[in-house]
């Protein structure tokens, strides 16, 4: 049953990723992989929030199946590390070393900040 929930969550996460990526590309542009970065930052922020909110000390009690649906399912289908890696490689192969380095550095720093922010927000809610 866990595979069914994770698969369904992955499908929903993938569809949402496609929508979010397109929205970012439309409004920010496609000269740099902004869409992938936005997706990864949002996904990291959300998983940090969700895991803290639904932890044993969290405000919301979530069944293991719900956590499987959301974390490896929706979040796994939504985030795009493989796409990030391919886009970074393409930037490097095209000789755009500054852009490739900026993509790696900004993605790592901003995604870690996103996880921390989501965790912090959920921790505040857990104490309220």
N, C-alpha and C. Protein backbone atom coordinates (compact mmCIF):
# COMPACT_ATOMS: atom_id res chain seq x y z
N UNK A 1 0.82 -1.20 0.00
CA UNK A 1 0.00 0.00 0.00
C UNK A 1 0.87 1.27 0.00
N UNK A 2 2.04 1.18 0.68
CA UNK A 2 2.92 2.35 0.73
C UNK A 2 3.36 2.77 -0.67
N UNK A 3 3.64 1.79 -1.53
CA UNK A 3 4.07 2.11 -2.90
C UNK A 3 2.97 2.84 -3.67
N UNK A 4 1.73 2.49 -3.42
CA UNK A 4 0.61 3.16 -4.07
C UNK A 4 0.54 4.63 -3.63
N UNK A 5 0.64 4.86 -2.32
CA UNK A 5 0.59 6.24 -1.82
C UNK A 5 1.77 7.07 -2.32
N UNK A 6 2.95 6.48 -2.30
CA UNK A 6 4.14 7.20 -2.76
C UNK A 6 4.03 7.49 -4.26
N UNK A 7 3.55 6.51 -5.02
CA UNK A 7 3.38 6.70 -6.47
C UNK A 7 2.37 7.79 -6.78
N UNK A 8 1.25 7.79 -6.07
CA UNK A 8 0.23 8.83 -6.28
C UNK A 8 0.79 10.20 -5.91
N UNK A 9 1.50 10.27 -4.77
CA UNK A 9 2.11 11.54 -4.37
C UNK A 9 3.13 12.02 -5.37
N UNK A 10 3.92 11.10 -5.91
CA UNK A 10 4.94 11.46 -6.91
C UNK A 10 4.29 12.03 -8.17
N UNK A 11 3.19 11.43 -8.58
CA UNK A 11 2.48 11.93 -9.76
C UNK A 11 1.97 13.36 -9.53
N UNK A 12 1.40 13.60 -8.37
CA UNK A 12 0.90 14.94 -8.06
C UNK A 12 2.07 15.93 -7.93
N UNK A 13 3.15 15.50 -7.30
CA UNK A 13 4.32 16.37 -7.16
C UNK A 13 4.93 16.71 -8.51
N UNK A 14 4.99 15.72 -9.40
CA UNK A 14 5.53 15.96 -10.74
C UNK A 14 4.69 16.95 -11.53
N UNK A 15 3.37 16.82 -11.43
CA UNK A 15 2.47 17.76 -12.13
C UNK A 15 2.62 19.16 -11.57
N UNK A 16 2.72 19.26 -10.25
CA UNK A 16 2.90 20.57 -9.63
C UNK A 16 4.25 21.17 -9.99
N UNK A 17 5.29 20.31 -10.08
CA UNK A 17 6.63 20.78 -10.49
C UNK A 17 6.56 21.41 -11.88
N UNK A 18 5.90 20.73 -12.81
CA UNK A 18 5.79 21.21 -14.18
C UNK A 18 5.11 22.58 -14.20
N UNK A 19 4.05 22.74 -13.42
CA UNK A 19 3.32 24.01 -13.36
C UNK A 19 4.20 25.10 -12.75
N UNK A 20 4.84 24.79 -11.62
CA UNK A 20 5.67 25.78 -10.91
C UNK A 20 6.88 26.19 -11.75
N UNK A 21 7.52 25.21 -12.40
CA UNK A 21 8.66 25.49 -13.26
C UNK A 21 8.25 26.43 -14.39
N UNK A 22 7.14 26.14 -15.02
CA UNK A 22 6.65 26.97 -16.12
C UNK A 22 6.32 28.38 -15.66
N UNK A 23 5.73 28.51 -14.49
CA UNK A 23 5.40 29.81 -13.94
C UNK A 23 6.67 30.63 -13.69
N UNK A 24 7.66 30.00 -13.08
CA UNK A 24 8.93 30.70 -12.82
C UNK A 24 9.62 31.08 -14.13
N UNK A 25 9.64 30.17 -15.09
CA UNK A 25 10.27 30.46 -16.38
C UNK A 25 9.57 31.62 -17.07
N UNK A 26 8.26 31.66 -16.99
CA UNK A 26 7.48 32.71 -17.64
C UNK A 26 7.74 34.08 -17.01
N UNK A 27 7.82 34.12 -15.68
CA UNK A 27 7.93 35.41 -15.00
C UNK A 27 9.36 35.84 -14.68
N UNK A 28 10.28 34.88 -14.57
CA UNK A 28 11.66 35.23 -14.23
C UNK A 28 12.56 35.13 -15.46
N UNK A 29 12.28 34.15 -16.32
CA UNK A 29 13.08 33.98 -17.53
C UNK A 29 13.74 32.62 -17.57
N UNK A 30 14.31 32.31 -18.74
CA UNK A 30 14.91 30.99 -18.94
C UNK A 30 16.39 31.06 -19.30
N UNK A 31 17.01 32.23 -19.13
CA UNK A 31 18.43 32.34 -19.44
C UNK A 31 19.30 31.69 -18.36
N UNK A 32 18.73 31.43 -17.22
CA UNK A 32 19.36 30.76 -16.09
C UNK A 32 18.32 29.78 -15.56
N UNK A 33 18.69 28.65 -14.99
CA UNK A 33 17.69 27.66 -14.55
C UNK A 33 16.92 28.09 -13.30
N UNK A 34 16.26 29.25 -13.40
CA UNK A 34 15.49 29.77 -12.28
C UNK A 34 14.34 28.85 -11.89
N UNK A 35 13.67 28.28 -12.89
CA UNK A 35 12.52 27.42 -12.59
C UNK A 35 12.91 26.25 -11.71
N UNK A 36 14.01 25.60 -12.03
CA UNK A 36 14.48 24.48 -11.22
C UNK A 36 14.85 24.94 -9.82
N UNK A 37 15.53 26.07 -9.73
CA UNK A 37 15.92 26.57 -8.42
C UNK A 37 14.70 26.91 -7.58
N UNK A 38 13.71 27.57 -8.17
CA UNK A 38 12.49 27.91 -7.44
C UNK A 38 11.79 26.64 -6.95
N UNK A 39 11.67 25.66 -7.81
CA UNK A 39 11.04 24.39 -7.44
C UNK A 39 11.77 23.75 -6.27
N UNK A 40 13.09 23.70 -6.34
CA UNK A 40 13.86 23.07 -5.27
C UNK A 40 13.77 23.84 -3.96
N UNK A 41 13.78 25.15 -4.02
CA UNK A 41 13.65 25.96 -2.80
C UNK A 41 12.27 25.76 -2.18
N UNK A 42 11.23 25.81 -2.99
CA UNK A 42 9.87 25.59 -2.49
C UNK A 42 9.74 24.19 -1.89
N UNK A 43 10.27 23.19 -2.61
CA UNK A 43 10.20 21.82 -2.12
C UNK A 43 10.94 21.63 -0.82
N UNK A 44 12.13 22.22 -0.70
CA UNK A 44 12.91 22.12 0.54
C UNK A 44 12.20 22.84 1.68
N UNK A 45 11.64 24.00 1.40
CA UNK A 45 10.90 24.73 2.44
C UNK A 45 9.71 23.92 2.92
N UNK A 46 8.99 23.33 1.98
CA UNK A 46 7.80 22.57 2.34
C UNK A 46 8.14 21.32 3.14
N UNK A 47 9.16 20.58 2.72
CA UNK A 47 9.48 19.35 3.44
C UNK A 47 9.99 19.66 4.85
N UNK A 48 10.75 20.74 4.99
CA UNK A 48 11.19 21.15 6.33
C UNK A 48 10.00 21.50 7.22
N UNK A 49 9.02 22.19 6.66
CA UNK A 49 7.80 22.55 7.39
C UNK A 49 6.99 21.30 7.75
N UNK A 50 6.77 20.45 6.77
CA UNK A 50 5.90 19.28 6.96
C UNK A 50 6.50 18.29 7.96
N UNK A 51 7.78 17.99 7.82
CA UNK A 51 8.40 17.00 8.70
C UNK A 51 8.38 17.48 10.15
N UNK A 52 8.55 18.77 10.38
CA UNK A 52 8.53 19.32 11.73
C UNK A 52 7.11 19.40 12.28
N UNK A 53 6.18 19.82 11.46
CA UNK A 53 4.79 19.94 11.89
C UNK A 53 4.19 18.58 12.23
N UNK A 54 4.61 17.53 11.53
CA UNK A 54 4.02 16.20 11.74
C UNK A 54 4.94 15.25 12.51
N UNK A 55 6.00 15.79 13.11
CA UNK A 55 6.90 14.95 13.91
C UNK A 55 6.17 14.52 15.19
N UNK A 56 6.71 13.57 15.93
CA UNK A 56 6.05 13.16 17.18
C UNK A 56 5.78 14.32 18.14
N UNK A 57 6.62 15.35 18.11
CA UNK A 57 6.40 16.53 18.97
C UNK A 57 5.60 17.62 18.26
N UNK A 58 5.17 17.36 17.04
CA UNK A 58 4.51 18.37 16.22
C UNK A 58 3.05 18.59 16.61
N UNK A 59 2.49 19.60 16.01
CA UNK A 59 1.11 19.99 16.27
C UNK A 59 0.11 19.06 15.59
N UNK A 60 0.50 18.49 14.45
CA UNK A 60 -0.41 17.66 13.66
C UNK A 60 0.07 16.21 13.69
N UNK A 61 -0.80 15.33 14.10
CA UNK A 61 -0.48 13.91 14.09
C UNK A 61 -0.80 13.38 12.70
N UNK A 62 0.20 12.84 12.03
CA UNK A 62 0.01 12.31 10.68
C UNK A 62 0.37 10.83 10.68
N UNK A 63 -0.50 10.05 10.07
CA UNK A 63 -0.25 8.61 9.95
C UNK A 63 0.99 8.38 9.08
N UNK A 64 1.68 7.27 9.28
CA UNK A 64 2.83 6.97 8.43
C UNK A 64 2.50 7.00 6.94
N UNK A 65 1.32 6.55 6.57
CA UNK A 65 0.94 6.57 5.15
C UNK A 65 0.84 7.99 4.61
N UNK A 66 0.38 8.93 5.44
CA UNK A 66 0.29 10.33 5.02
C UNK A 66 1.69 10.90 4.85
N UNK A 67 2.56 10.61 5.79
CA UNK A 67 3.95 11.09 5.68
C UNK A 67 4.63 10.49 4.45
N UNK A 68 4.37 9.23 4.14
CA UNK A 68 4.93 8.60 2.94
C UNK A 68 4.37 9.27 1.68
N UNK A 69 3.09 9.54 1.67
CA UNK A 69 2.46 10.20 0.54
C UNK A 69 3.09 11.57 0.28
N UNK A 70 3.31 12.33 1.35
CA UNK A 70 3.80 13.70 1.21
C UNK A 70 5.31 13.78 1.00
N UNK A 71 6.09 13.11 1.85
CA UNK A 71 7.55 13.32 1.79
C UNK A 71 8.21 12.60 0.62
N UNK A 72 8.30 11.28 0.58
CA UNK A 72 8.92 10.67 -0.62
C UNK A 72 8.02 10.76 -1.84
N UNK A 73 6.70 10.90 -1.63
CA UNK A 73 5.77 10.98 -2.74
C UNK A 73 5.73 12.37 -3.36
N UNK A 74 4.94 13.27 -2.77
CA UNK A 74 4.76 14.61 -3.34
C UNK A 74 6.09 15.36 -3.43
N UNK A 75 6.83 15.41 -2.33
CA UNK A 75 8.10 16.16 -2.35
C UNK A 75 9.13 15.51 -3.27
N UNK A 76 9.17 14.18 -3.28
CA UNK A 76 10.10 13.49 -4.18
C UNK A 76 9.76 13.71 -5.64
N UNK A 77 8.47 13.75 -5.96
CA UNK A 77 8.06 14.01 -7.34
C UNK A 77 8.20 15.48 -7.71
N UNK A 78 8.14 16.36 -6.71
CA UNK A 78 8.18 17.80 -6.97
C UNK A 78 9.60 18.32 -7.15
N UNK A 79 10.52 17.94 -6.29
CA UNK A 79 11.87 18.50 -6.38
C UNK A 79 12.61 17.90 -7.56
N UNK A 80 13.64 18.58 -7.99
CA UNK A 80 14.22 18.28 -9.29
C UNK A 80 15.74 18.23 -9.26
N UNK A 81 16.29 17.45 -8.36
CA UNK A 81 17.75 17.43 -8.26
C UNK A 81 18.40 16.90 -9.53
N UNK A 82 17.78 15.92 -10.17
CA UNK A 82 18.37 15.40 -11.41
C UNK A 82 18.35 16.47 -12.50
N UNK A 83 17.30 17.24 -12.58
CA UNK A 83 17.23 18.33 -13.56
C UNK A 83 18.26 19.40 -13.23
N UNK A 84 18.38 19.73 -11.96
CA UNK A 84 19.39 20.69 -11.51
C UNK A 84 20.78 20.23 -11.94
N UNK A 85 21.07 18.97 -11.74
CA UNK A 85 22.39 18.44 -12.10
C UNK A 85 22.64 18.53 -13.59
N UNK A 86 21.65 18.16 -14.39
CA UNK A 86 21.79 18.22 -15.85
C UNK A 86 21.98 19.66 -16.32
N UNK A 87 21.19 20.57 -15.78
CA UNK A 87 21.31 21.97 -16.19
C UNK A 87 22.67 22.55 -15.80
N UNK A 88 23.17 22.16 -14.65
CA UNK A 88 24.50 22.62 -14.22
C UNK A 88 25.58 22.07 -15.15
N UNK A 89 25.47 20.79 -15.48
CA UNK A 89 26.42 20.19 -16.42
C UNK A 89 26.37 20.90 -17.77
N UNK A 90 25.19 21.19 -18.26
CA UNK A 90 25.05 21.89 -19.55
C UNK A 90 25.67 23.28 -19.51
N UNK A 91 25.48 23.99 -18.40
CA UNK A 91 26.11 25.30 -18.26
C UNK A 91 27.62 25.16 -18.32
N UNK A 92 28.16 24.18 -17.60
CA UNK A 92 29.61 23.98 -17.58
C UNK A 92 30.14 23.57 -18.96
N UNK A 93 29.43 22.67 -19.62
CA UNK A 93 29.87 22.24 -20.96
C UNK A 93 29.83 23.38 -21.97
N UNK A 94 28.92 24.32 -21.75
CA UNK A 94 28.83 25.48 -22.63
C UNK A 94 29.83 26.56 -22.26
N UNK A 95 30.68 26.26 -21.30
CA UNK A 95 31.69 27.23 -20.90
C UNK A 95 31.18 28.31 -19.96
N UNK A 96 29.99 28.17 -19.45
CA UNK A 96 29.40 29.16 -18.56
C UNK A 96 29.71 28.76 -17.10
N UNK A 97 30.99 28.81 -16.77
CA UNK A 97 31.46 28.35 -15.47
C UNK A 97 30.92 29.21 -14.34
N UNK A 98 30.84 30.49 -14.53
CA UNK A 98 30.31 31.36 -13.48
C UNK A 98 28.85 31.01 -13.19
N UNK A 99 28.06 30.83 -14.24
CA UNK A 99 26.65 30.48 -14.07
C UNK A 99 26.49 29.10 -13.43
N UNK A 100 27.32 28.14 -13.84
CA UNK A 100 27.25 26.80 -13.26
C UNK A 100 27.57 26.84 -11.77
N UNK A 101 28.61 27.57 -11.43
CA UNK A 101 29.00 27.70 -10.02
C UNK A 101 27.94 28.42 -9.22
N UNK A 102 27.38 29.48 -9.81
CA UNK A 102 26.32 30.23 -9.13
C UNK A 102 25.08 29.35 -8.92
N UNK A 103 24.77 28.53 -9.89
CA UNK A 103 23.61 27.64 -9.77
C UNK A 103 23.81 26.66 -8.61
N UNK A 104 24.99 26.07 -8.52
CA UNK A 104 25.27 25.11 -7.44
C UNK A 104 25.25 25.83 -6.09
N UNK A 105 25.98 26.92 -5.98
CA UNK A 105 26.08 27.62 -4.70
C UNK A 105 24.73 28.16 -4.24
N UNK A 106 24.02 28.83 -5.14
CA UNK A 106 22.73 29.41 -4.76
C UNK A 106 21.72 28.33 -4.43
N UNK A 107 21.70 27.25 -5.19
CA UNK A 107 20.75 26.17 -4.93
C UNK A 107 21.00 25.53 -3.57
N UNK A 108 22.25 25.22 -3.28
CA UNK A 108 22.56 24.58 -2.00
C UNK A 108 22.22 25.51 -0.84
N UNK A 109 22.69 26.75 -0.90
CA UNK A 109 22.47 27.68 0.20
C UNK A 109 20.97 27.98 0.36
N UNK A 110 20.30 28.30 -0.74
CA UNK A 110 18.89 28.68 -0.64
C UNK A 110 18.00 27.50 -0.27
N UNK A 111 18.32 26.29 -0.74
CA UNK A 111 17.52 25.12 -0.35
C UNK A 111 17.73 24.78 1.11
N UNK A 112 18.96 24.89 1.61
CA UNK A 112 19.18 24.69 3.04
C UNK A 112 18.45 25.74 3.86
N UNK A 113 18.46 26.96 3.38
CA UNK A 113 17.70 28.02 4.06
C UNK A 113 16.20 27.71 4.02
N UNK A 114 15.74 27.16 2.91
CA UNK A 114 14.33 26.79 2.79
C UNK A 114 13.94 25.72 3.79
N UNK A 115 14.77 24.68 3.93
CA UNK A 115 14.48 23.63 4.91
C UNK A 115 14.46 24.22 6.32
N UNK A 116 15.43 25.06 6.62
CA UNK A 116 15.49 25.70 7.94
C UNK A 116 14.25 26.57 8.16
N UNK A 117 13.87 27.37 7.16
CA UNK A 117 12.71 28.24 7.29
C UNK A 117 11.44 27.43 7.52
N UNK A 118 11.25 26.37 6.73
CA UNK A 118 10.07 25.53 6.92
C UNK A 118 10.06 24.90 8.30
N UNK A 119 11.19 24.40 8.75
CA UNK A 119 11.31 23.81 10.08
C UNK A 119 10.98 24.85 11.15
N UNK A 120 11.54 26.05 11.01
CA UNK A 120 11.32 27.11 11.99
C UNK A 120 9.84 27.51 12.05
N UNK A 121 9.21 27.66 10.90
CA UNK A 121 7.79 28.02 10.87
C UNK A 121 6.93 26.96 11.56
N UNK A 122 7.21 25.71 11.28
CA UNK A 122 6.44 24.64 11.91
C UNK A 122 6.73 24.55 13.40
N UNK A 123 7.97 24.82 13.81
CA UNK A 123 8.30 24.81 15.23
C UNK A 123 7.52 25.89 15.98
N UNK A 124 7.38 27.05 15.36
CA UNK A 124 6.58 28.13 15.96
C UNK A 124 5.13 27.69 16.08
N UNK A 125 4.59 27.08 15.04
CA UNK A 125 3.21 26.59 15.11
C UNK A 125 3.06 25.50 16.17
N UNK A 126 4.05 24.64 16.30
CA UNK A 126 3.98 23.58 17.31
C UNK A 126 3.93 24.13 18.72
N UNK A 127 4.56 25.27 18.95
CA UNK A 127 4.56 25.88 20.29
C UNK A 127 3.33 26.71 20.56
N UNK A 128 2.62 27.11 19.53
CA UNK A 128 1.45 28.00 19.71
C UNK A 128 0.28 27.28 20.34
